[in-house]
Amino acid sequence: MLLGQVLAEALAGIGRPDARAGRPATCRACGDPAVWHRTTDGRWVLMQPGGVPYHLVPTGQRWHIAGDGTAANLAHAAADGTCRITHFAVCPLGAPPKAPHLLRLWRHGAARLGRLT
């Protein structure tokens, strides 16, 4: 399925039983599971499933999923608890992140794909 078709279906809500849960997806590059969420400006972002403690994620890469399923970048907001991260921040076929926790997630995926020696 082409990315444009995936986005068009996401925009139309096809096969989407609960908008708050996001749209399950698989990264076309690495094959990892992820979830599409609409952002506050109407774009779509591929998010990692589950939360990550805020203090492990660099400022500007912290996301929150609102009750209606909308993804909002917390920018420089400080918060307690957990946040979400984009899949692109840890996709093993992308550049390694600098943040230690994100780098661990990236290395785990890269090892799974045989990209680490």
N, C-alpha and C. Protein backbone atom coordinates (compact mmCIF):
# COMPACT_ATOMS: atom_id res chain seq x y z
N MET A 1 0.85 -1.18 0.00
CA MET A 1 0.00 0.00 0.00
C MET A 1 0.90 1.24 0.00
N LEU A 2 0.63 2.16 -0.85
CA LEU A 2 1.42 3.37 -0.95
C LEU A 2 1.14 4.30 0.22
N LEU A 3 2.16 5.05 0.64
CA LEU A 3 2.01 5.97 1.76
C LEU A 3 0.89 6.96 1.52
N GLY A 4 0.76 7.46 0.29
CA GLY A 4 -0.32 8.39 -0.03
C GLY A 4 -1.69 7.77 0.20
N GLN A 5 -1.83 6.49 -0.15
CA GLN A 5 -3.09 5.79 0.06
C GLN A 5 -3.35 5.61 1.56
N VAL A 6 -2.30 5.27 2.32
CA VAL A 6 -2.44 5.12 3.76
C VAL A 6 -2.92 6.43 4.37
N LEU A 7 -2.30 7.55 3.97
CA LEU A 7 -2.69 8.84 4.50
C LEU A 7 -4.11 9.22 4.08
N ALA A 8 -4.46 8.92 2.84
CA ALA A 8 -5.81 9.23 2.37
C ALA A 8 -6.85 8.45 3.17
N GLU A 9 -6.57 7.17 3.43
CA GLU A 9 -7.49 6.36 4.22
C GLU A 9 -7.56 6.87 5.66
N ALA A 10 -6.42 7.28 6.18
CA ALA A 10 -6.41 7.80 7.55
C ALA A 10 -7.26 9.06 7.64
N LEU A 11 -7.11 9.92 6.63
CA LEU A 11 -7.89 11.15 6.62
C LEU A 11 -9.39 10.87 6.49
N ALA A 12 -9.73 9.83 5.76
CA ALA A 12 -11.14 9.47 5.57
C ALA A 12 -11.69 8.66 6.74
N GLY A 13 -10.79 8.16 7.60
CA GLY A 13 -11.24 7.39 8.74
C GLY A 13 -11.61 5.96 8.40
N ILE A 14 -11.17 5.45 7.26
CA ILE A 14 -11.52 4.10 6.83
C ILE A 14 -10.88 3.09 7.77
N GLY A 15 -11.68 2.14 8.25
CA GLY A 15 -11.16 1.08 9.11
C GLY A 15 -10.69 1.58 10.45
N ARG A 16 -11.23 2.66 10.89
CA ARG A 16 -10.77 3.27 12.14
C ARG A 16 -11.91 3.22 13.16
N PRO A 17 -11.96 2.16 13.98
CA PRO A 17 -13.08 2.01 14.89
C PRO A 17 -13.12 3.03 16.01
N ASP A 18 -11.98 3.51 16.46
CA ASP A 18 -11.94 4.46 17.57
C ASP A 18 -10.87 5.50 17.30
N ALA A 19 -11.27 6.72 16.99
CA ALA A 19 -10.31 7.77 16.64
C ALA A 19 -9.33 8.04 17.77
N ARG A 20 -9.75 7.83 19.02
CA ARG A 20 -8.87 8.11 20.14
C ARG A 20 -7.71 7.13 20.20
N ALA A 21 -7.85 5.95 19.63
CA ALA A 21 -6.81 4.93 19.68
C ALA A 21 -5.76 5.11 18.59
N GLY A 22 -5.99 5.99 17.64
CA GLY A 22 -5.06 6.15 16.54
C GLY A 22 -5.28 5.06 15.50
N ARG A 23 -4.49 5.09 14.46
CA ARG A 23 -4.61 4.10 13.39
C ARG A 23 -3.37 3.22 13.40
N PRO A 24 -3.55 1.92 13.76
CA PRO A 24 -2.41 1.01 13.79
C PRO A 24 -1.71 0.97 12.43
N ALA A 25 -0.40 0.88 12.47
CA ALA A 25 0.39 0.85 11.25
C ALA A 25 1.66 0.06 11.47
N THR A 26 2.35 -0.17 10.40
CA THR A 26 3.67 -0.79 10.44
C THR A 26 4.60 0.11 9.64
N CYS A 27 5.76 0.41 10.20
CA CYS A 27 6.73 1.24 9.50
C CYS A 27 7.16 0.52 8.22
N ARG A 28 7.01 1.20 7.11
CA ARG A 28 7.36 0.58 5.83
C ARG A 28 8.86 0.40 5.69
N ALA A 29 9.65 1.14 6.44
CA ALA A 29 11.10 1.03 6.34
C ALA A 29 11.64 -0.14 7.16
N CYS A 30 11.21 -0.24 8.43
CA CYS A 30 11.81 -1.23 9.33
C CYS A 30 10.87 -2.35 9.75
N GLY A 31 9.56 -2.18 9.54
CA GLY A 31 8.61 -3.21 9.89
C GLY A 31 8.10 -3.17 11.32
N ASP A 32 8.53 -2.19 12.10
CA ASP A 32 8.08 -2.07 13.49
C ASP A 32 6.64 -1.57 13.56
N PRO A 33 5.91 -2.01 14.59
CA PRO A 33 4.55 -1.50 14.77
C PRO A 33 4.59 -0.05 15.25
N ALA A 34 3.60 0.71 14.84
CA ALA A 34 3.48 2.12 15.24
C ALA A 34 2.01 2.50 15.10
N VAL A 35 1.70 3.76 15.40
CA VAL A 35 0.32 4.23 15.34
C VAL A 35 0.30 5.62 14.72
N TRP A 36 -0.57 5.81 13.71
CA TRP A 36 -0.76 7.14 13.12
C TRP A 36 -1.68 7.96 14.00
N HIS A 37 -1.31 9.21 14.25
CA HIS A 37 -2.17 10.17 14.95
C HIS A 37 -2.15 11.48 14.18
N ARG A 38 -3.30 12.14 14.15
CA ARG A 38 -3.39 13.46 13.54
C ARG A 38 -2.80 14.47 14.53
N THR A 39 -2.04 15.43 14.03
CA THR A 39 -1.45 16.45 14.89
C THR A 39 -2.41 17.63 15.02
N THR A 40 -2.06 18.55 15.89
CA THR A 40 -2.90 19.73 16.12
C THR A 40 -3.01 20.61 14.88
N ASP A 41 -2.03 20.51 13.95
CA ASP A 41 -2.11 21.31 12.72
C ASP A 41 -2.64 20.51 11.53
N GLY A 42 -3.23 19.32 11.81
CA GLY A 42 -3.89 18.54 10.76
C GLY A 42 -3.01 17.57 10.00
N ARG A 43 -1.74 17.51 10.32
CA ARG A 43 -0.85 16.55 9.66
C ARG A 43 -0.96 15.22 10.40
N TRP A 44 -0.26 14.21 9.89
CA TRP A 44 -0.24 12.90 10.53
C TRP A 44 1.18 12.57 10.95
N VAL A 45 1.33 11.95 12.12
CA VAL A 45 2.63 11.58 12.63
C VAL A 45 2.57 10.12 13.09
N LEU A 46 3.63 9.39 12.80
CA LEU A 46 3.72 7.99 13.19
C LEU A 46 4.35 7.93 14.58
N MET A 47 3.57 7.43 15.54
CA MET A 47 4.01 7.42 16.94
C MET A 47 4.39 6.01 17.38
N GLN A 48 5.36 5.92 18.27
CA GLN A 48 5.69 4.66 18.91
C GLN A 48 4.54 4.27 19.84
N PRO A 49 4.24 2.98 19.94
CA PRO A 49 3.22 2.57 20.90
C PRO A 49 3.74 2.77 22.33
N GLY A 50 2.86 3.11 23.23
CA GLY A 50 3.22 3.22 24.65
C GLY A 50 3.91 4.51 25.01
N GLY A 51 4.02 4.71 26.31
CA GLY A 51 4.61 5.93 26.82
C GLY A 51 6.05 5.74 27.27
N VAL A 52 6.74 6.85 27.40
CA VAL A 52 8.13 6.90 27.85
C VAL A 52 8.19 7.95 28.96
N PRO A 53 8.91 7.69 30.05
CA PRO A 53 9.03 8.71 31.08
C PRO A 53 9.58 10.03 30.51
N TYR A 54 8.92 11.15 30.86
CA TYR A 54 9.30 12.46 30.33
C TYR A 54 10.79 12.76 30.47
N HIS A 55 11.34 12.42 31.63
CA HIS A 55 12.73 12.81 31.89
C HIS A 55 13.73 12.09 30.97
N LEU A 56 13.30 11.05 30.25
CA LEU A 56 14.19 10.33 29.34
C LEU A 56 14.13 10.84 27.91
N VAL A 57 13.21 11.78 27.65
CA VAL A 57 13.00 12.27 26.28
C VAL A 57 13.42 13.74 26.20
N PRO A 58 14.23 14.10 25.21
CA PRO A 58 14.67 15.48 25.09
C PRO A 58 13.51 16.45 24.86
N THR A 59 13.69 17.65 25.37
CA THR A 59 12.72 18.72 25.13
C THR A 59 12.52 18.87 23.63
N GLY A 60 11.29 19.05 23.22
CA GLY A 60 10.97 19.20 21.80
C GLY A 60 10.59 17.89 21.13
N GLN A 61 10.91 16.75 21.75
CA GLN A 61 10.54 15.46 21.19
C GLN A 61 9.46 14.77 22.01
N ARG A 62 8.90 15.48 22.98
CA ARG A 62 7.86 14.95 23.86
C ARG A 62 6.50 15.24 23.25
N TRP A 63 5.69 14.20 23.13
CA TRP A 63 4.35 14.32 22.55
C TRP A 63 3.31 13.85 23.55
N HIS A 64 2.12 14.39 23.40
CA HIS A 64 0.97 13.98 24.22
C HIS A 64 -0.17 13.64 23.27
N ILE A 65 -0.89 12.56 23.58
CA ILE A 65 -2.06 12.20 22.80
C ILE A 65 -3.28 12.62 23.61
N ALA A 66 -4.05 13.55 23.07
CA ALA A 66 -5.24 14.07 23.75
C ALA A 66 -6.35 13.02 23.74
N GLY A 67 -7.38 13.27 24.50
CA GLY A 67 -8.51 12.36 24.60
C GLY A 67 -9.19 12.07 23.28
N ASP A 68 -9.10 13.00 22.33
CA ASP A 68 -9.72 12.78 21.02
C ASP A 68 -8.76 12.12 20.03
N GLY A 69 -7.54 11.74 20.49
CA GLY A 69 -6.56 11.09 19.63
C GLY A 69 -5.60 12.02 18.94
N THR A 70 -5.74 13.33 19.14
CA THR A 70 -4.85 14.30 18.51
C THR A 70 -3.49 14.30 19.20
N ALA A 71 -2.43 14.28 18.40
CA ALA A 71 -1.07 14.33 18.92
C ALA A 71 -0.60 15.78 19.00
N ALA A 72 -0.10 16.16 20.16
CA ALA A 72 0.39 17.52 20.37
C ALA A 72 1.83 17.46 20.84
N ASN A 73 2.71 18.18 20.13
CA ASN A 73 4.10 18.26 20.57
C ASN A 73 4.15 19.19 21.76
N LEU A 74 4.76 18.72 22.84
CA LEU A 74 4.80 19.52 24.07
C LEU A 74 5.88 20.59 24.02
N ALA A 75 6.66 20.62 22.95
CA ALA A 75 7.71 21.62 22.75
C ALA A 75 8.58 21.73 24.00
N HIS A 76 8.52 22.86 24.67
CA HIS A 76 9.37 23.06 25.85
C HIS A 76 8.61 22.89 27.15
N ALA A 77 7.37 22.39 27.07
CA ALA A 77 6.57 22.22 28.28
C ALA A 77 7.20 21.16 29.19
N ALA A 78 7.23 21.45 30.45
CA ALA A 78 7.71 20.48 31.45
C ALA A 78 6.50 19.79 32.04
N ALA A 79 6.59 18.50 32.16
CA ALA A 79 5.47 17.74 32.70
C ALA A 79 6.00 16.53 33.46
N ASP A 80 5.14 15.97 34.26
CA ASP A 80 5.49 14.75 34.99
C ASP A 80 4.83 13.57 34.32
N GLY A 81 5.28 12.39 34.62
CA GLY A 81 4.67 11.19 34.08
C GLY A 81 5.32 10.74 32.81
N THR A 82 4.49 10.39 31.83
CA THR A 82 5.01 9.86 30.58
C THR A 82 4.60 10.73 29.40
N CYS A 83 5.30 10.52 28.30
CA CYS A 83 4.98 11.19 27.05
C CYS A 83 5.09 10.15 25.96
N ARG A 84 4.81 10.56 24.76
CA ARG A 84 4.95 9.68 23.60
C ARG A 84 6.07 10.23 22.73
N ILE A 85 6.63 9.37 21.88
CA ILE A 85 7.67 9.78 20.94
C ILE A 85 7.27 9.33 19.55
N THR A 86 7.77 10.03 18.55
CA THR A 86 7.49 9.62 17.18
C THR A 86 8.32 8.39 16.85
N HIS A 87 7.82 7.60 15.93
CA HIS A 87 8.58 6.43 15.50
C HIS A 87 9.86 6.88 14.79
N PHE A 88 9.78 7.99 14.09
CA PHE A 88 10.94 8.47 13.33
C PHE A 88 12.12 8.81 14.24
N ALA A 89 11.86 9.09 15.51
CA ALA A 89 12.93 9.39 16.46
C ALA A 89 13.76 8.16 16.79
N VAL A 90 13.19 6.96 16.61
CA VAL A 90 13.89 5.74 16.99
C VAL A 90 13.90 4.67 15.90
N CYS A 91 13.43 5.00 14.69
CA CYS A 91 13.43 4.02 13.60
C CYS A 91 14.86 3.56 13.35
N PRO A 92 15.10 2.25 13.38
CA PRO A 92 16.48 1.76 13.22
C PRO A 92 17.07 2.01 11.84
N LEU A 93 16.28 2.43 10.88
CA LEU A 93 16.82 2.75 9.56
C LEU A 93 17.13 4.24 9.42
N GLY A 94 16.84 5.00 10.49
CA GLY A 94 17.17 6.42 10.51
C GLY A 94 18.49 6.64 11.23
N ALA A 95 18.85 7.88 11.39
CA ALA A 95 20.08 8.23 12.10
C ALA A 95 19.93 7.93 13.58
N PRO A 96 20.99 7.50 14.23
CA PRO A 96 20.91 7.23 15.67
C PRO A 96 20.63 8.52 16.45
N PRO A 97 19.69 8.47 17.39
CA PRO A 97 19.41 9.65 18.21
C PRO A 97 20.52 9.88 19.23
N LYS A 98 20.60 11.09 19.75
CA LYS A 98 21.64 11.43 20.73
C LYS A 98 21.21 11.13 22.16
N ALA A 99 19.92 11.19 22.45
CA ALA A 99 19.43 10.95 23.81
C ALA A 99 19.65 9.49 24.18
N PRO A 100 20.23 9.21 25.35
CA PRO A 100 20.57 7.83 25.73
C PRO A 100 19.42 6.84 25.66
N HIS A 101 18.25 7.20 26.19
CA HIS A 101 17.12 6.25 26.17
C HIS A 101 16.65 5.99 24.74
N LEU A 102 16.56 7.04 23.94
CA LEU A 102 16.13 6.86 22.55
C LEU A 102 17.17 6.06 21.77
N LEU A 103 18.43 6.27 22.09
CA LEU A 103 19.50 5.51 21.44
C LEU A 103 19.39 4.02 21.77
N ARG A 104 19.02 3.70 23.02
CA ARG A 104 18.81 2.29 23.38
C ARG A 104 17.70 1.68 22.55
N LEU A 105 16.59 2.41 22.37
CA LEU A 105 15.49 1.91 21.55
C LEU A 105 15.93 1.73 20.10
N TRP A 106 16.68 2.69 19.59
CA TRP A 106 17.19 2.62 18.22
C TRP A 106 18.11 1.41 18.06
N ARG A 107 19.03 1.21 19.02
CA ARG A 107 19.98 0.08 18.95
C ARG A 107 19.26 -1.26 18.99
N HIS A 108 18.21 -1.35 19.81
CA HIS A 108 17.44 -2.59 19.90
C HIS A 108 16.85 -2.92 18.53
N GLY A 109 16.25 -1.94 17.88
CA GLY A 109 15.70 -2.16 16.54
C GLY A 109 16.77 -2.46 15.51
N ALA A 110 17.90 -1.75 15.59
CA ALA A 110 18.98 -1.95 14.63
C ALA A 110 19.58 -3.35 14.78
N ALA A 111 19.71 -3.83 16.02
CA ALA A 111 20.22 -5.17 16.26
C ALA A 111 19.26 -6.22 15.70
N ARG A 112 17.97 -5.98 15.89
CA ARG A 112 16.95 -6.90 15.37
C ARG A 112 17.04 -7.01 13.85
N LEU A 113 17.36 -5.90 13.21
CA LEU A 113 17.47 -5.90 11.75
C LEU A 113 18.85 -6.30 11.25
N GLY A 114 19.77 -6.58 12.18
CA GLY A 114 21.13 -6.97 11.79
C GLY A 114 21.97 -5.82 11.31
N ARG A 115 21.61 -4.60 11.69
CA ARG A 115 22.35 -3.42 11.25
C ARG A 115 23.51 -3.07 12.17
N LEU A 116 23.58 -3.71 13.34
CA LEU A 116 24.70 -3.47 14.25
C LEU A 116 25.64 -4.67 14.16
N THR A 117 26.93 -4.39 14.18
CA THR A 117 27.90 -5.48 14.12
C THR A 117 28.61 -5.62 15.44
